[in-house]
Amino acid sequence: QGQPAHHFNLRSTYSTRSYDLMFNLNRFGAYASTWDHYKVGFAAKWTLDAELAYHFDQSLTVALGGVNLFDTEPDTWEDSGYPRNPADKVVPYSQYSPLNFNGRYIYMRAHYKF
């Protein structure tokens, strides 16, 4: 309870002299939470992360990536079939959710070697 029964992670990286390409596939298994004396179940979810990094030279690398590219969100209390929201709809997700409920985010980073 509180943690997924299973967690699966498959990561793949392809590199050349000019660029790196990375994919990260995650599966978070079903998990449960409790409210009052009820055990409430939440479904398993998949997420995909990716990053493309370009090496301009031996010193400068710039990367563009995304975490949770398909914007997968955890089930809400209502999705679980629980008759009411424990936090009075202020907090729609269980505190035990293994997923980030903020959804997808995209980033850009630079790395410079002196």
Protein backbone atom coordinates (compact mmCIF):
# COMPACT_ATOMS: atom_id res chain seq x y z
CA GLN A 1 0.00 0.00 0.00
CA GLY A 2 1.27 3.47 -0.81
CA GLN A 3 3.95 2.23 -3.21
CA PRO A 4 3.43 0.61 -6.61
CA ALA A 5 3.60 -3.17 -6.58
CA HIS A 6 5.93 -2.99 -9.60
CA HIS A 7 8.14 -0.41 -11.25
CA PHE A 8 9.65 -0.99 -14.69
CA ASN A 9 12.25 1.23 -16.33
CA LEU A 10 13.76 0.78 -19.80
CA ARG A 11 16.40 3.27 -20.84
CA SER A 12 18.07 3.45 -24.22
CA THR A 13 20.84 5.78 -25.36
CA TYR A 14 22.31 6.19 -28.83
CA SER A 15 25.47 8.27 -29.19
CA THR A 16 27.54 9.56 -32.07
CA ARG A 17 30.32 12.10 -32.21
CA SER A 18 27.79 14.87 -32.90
CA TYR A 19 24.76 13.97 -30.78
CA ASP A 20 23.21 11.77 -28.09
CA LEU A 21 19.63 10.53 -28.13
CA MET A 22 18.07 9.12 -24.95
CA PHE A 23 14.69 7.50 -24.27
CA ASN A 24 13.43 6.45 -20.87
CA LEU A 25 10.22 4.38 -20.61
CA ASN A 26 8.67 3.95 -17.14
CA ARG A 27 5.77 1.88 -15.87
CA PHE A 28 4.50 2.52 -12.38
CA GLY A 29 2.32 -0.34 -11.16
CA ALA A 30 -1.02 -0.05 -9.43
CA TYR A 31 -0.98 1.31 -5.89
CA ALA A 32 -3.44 1.92 -3.09
CA SER A 33 -4.22 4.62 -0.58
CA THR A 34 -6.60 4.75 2.35
CA TRP A 35 -9.15 7.25 3.47
CA ASP A 36 -11.27 6.72 6.55
CA HIS A 37 -11.31 2.92 6.64
CA TYR A 38 -11.55 2.46 2.86
CA LYS A 39 -8.73 1.06 0.75
CA VAL A 40 -8.77 2.95 -2.56
CA GLY A 41 -6.98 1.52 -5.63
CA PHE A 42 -5.30 3.53 -8.37
CA ALA A 43 -4.32 2.27 -11.84
CA ALA A 44 -0.87 1.63 -13.26
CA LYS A 45 0.57 4.31 -15.58
CA TRP A 46 3.25 4.61 -18.28
CA THR A 47 5.51 7.62 -18.91
CA LEU A 48 8.11 8.41 -21.58
CA ASP A 49 11.08 10.78 -21.28
CA ALA A 50 13.41 11.77 -24.12
CA GLU A 51 16.44 13.98 -24.68
CA LEU A 52 18.44 15.04 -27.73
CA ALA A 53 21.88 16.52 -27.03
CA TYR A 54 24.03 18.13 -29.73
CA HIS A 55 27.81 18.47 -29.30
CA PHE A 56 28.93 21.66 -31.03
CA ASP A 57 32.54 20.85 -30.23
CA GLN A 58 34.49 19.16 -27.43
CA SER A 59 33.52 21.92 -25.00
CA LEU A 60 29.89 22.86 -25.70
CA THR A 61 26.82 20.60 -25.59
CA VAL A 62 23.22 21.79 -25.78
CA ALA A 63 20.31 19.47 -25.02
CA LEU A 64 16.54 19.64 -25.42
CA GLY A 65 14.43 17.14 -23.55
CA GLY A 66 11.11 16.32 -22.03
CA VAL A 67 9.92 14.41 -18.99
CA ASN A 68 6.56 12.64 -19.14
CA LEU A 69 6.12 13.58 -22.81
CA PHE A 70 2.58 12.20 -23.10
CA ASP A 71 1.47 14.27 -20.09
CA THR A 72 0.35 11.24 -18.07
CA GLU A 73 -1.29 12.22 -14.80
CA PRO A 74 -2.13 10.00 -11.84
CA ASP A 75 -5.72 8.98 -11.26
CA THR A 76 -7.77 11.40 -9.21
CA TRP A 77 -9.83 10.31 -6.23
CA GLU A 78 -12.90 10.39 -8.49
CA ASP A 79 -11.16 8.19 -11.11
CA SER A 80 -10.57 5.56 -8.44
CA GLY A 81 -14.29 5.12 -7.80
CA TYR A 82 -14.06 6.47 -4.27
CA PRO A 83 -17.40 8.18 -3.50
CA ARG A 84 -15.95 11.46 -2.27
CA ASN A 85 -12.74 13.44 -2.40
CA PRO A 86 -10.95 13.23 0.96
CA ALA A 87 -9.44 16.70 0.67
CA ASP A 88 -12.74 18.28 -0.33
CA LYS A 89 -11.46 18.65 -3.94
CA VAL A 90 -8.53 20.82 -2.89
CA VAL A 91 -6.09 17.94 -3.45
CA PRO A 92 -7.41 15.77 -6.30
CA TYR A 93 -4.57 13.20 -6.18
CA SER A 94 -3.43 10.71 -3.57
CA GLN A 95 -0.29 11.73 -1.69
CA TYR A 96 1.14 8.29 -2.51
CA SER A 97 1.04 8.71 -6.27
CA PRO A 98 4.41 7.79 -7.83
CA LEU A 99 3.75 10.23 -10.69
CA ASN A 100 4.32 13.93 -10.75
CA PHE A 101 0.82 15.40 -10.97
CA ASN A 102 2.12 18.55 -12.66
CA GLY A 103 2.34 16.59 -15.91
CA ARG A 104 4.83 17.07 -18.75
CA TYR A 105 7.70 19.48 -18.71
CA ILE A 106 10.19 20.43 -21.38
CA TYR A 107 13.70 21.64 -20.68
CA MET A 108 16.82 22.90 -22.38
CA ARG A 109 20.28 22.71 -20.88
CA ALA A 110 23.80 23.65 -21.85
CA HIS A 111 27.06 22.14 -20.68
CA TYR A 112 30.42 23.77 -21.18
CA LYS A 113 33.79 22.18 -20.31
CA PHE A 114 36.58 24.60 -19.48
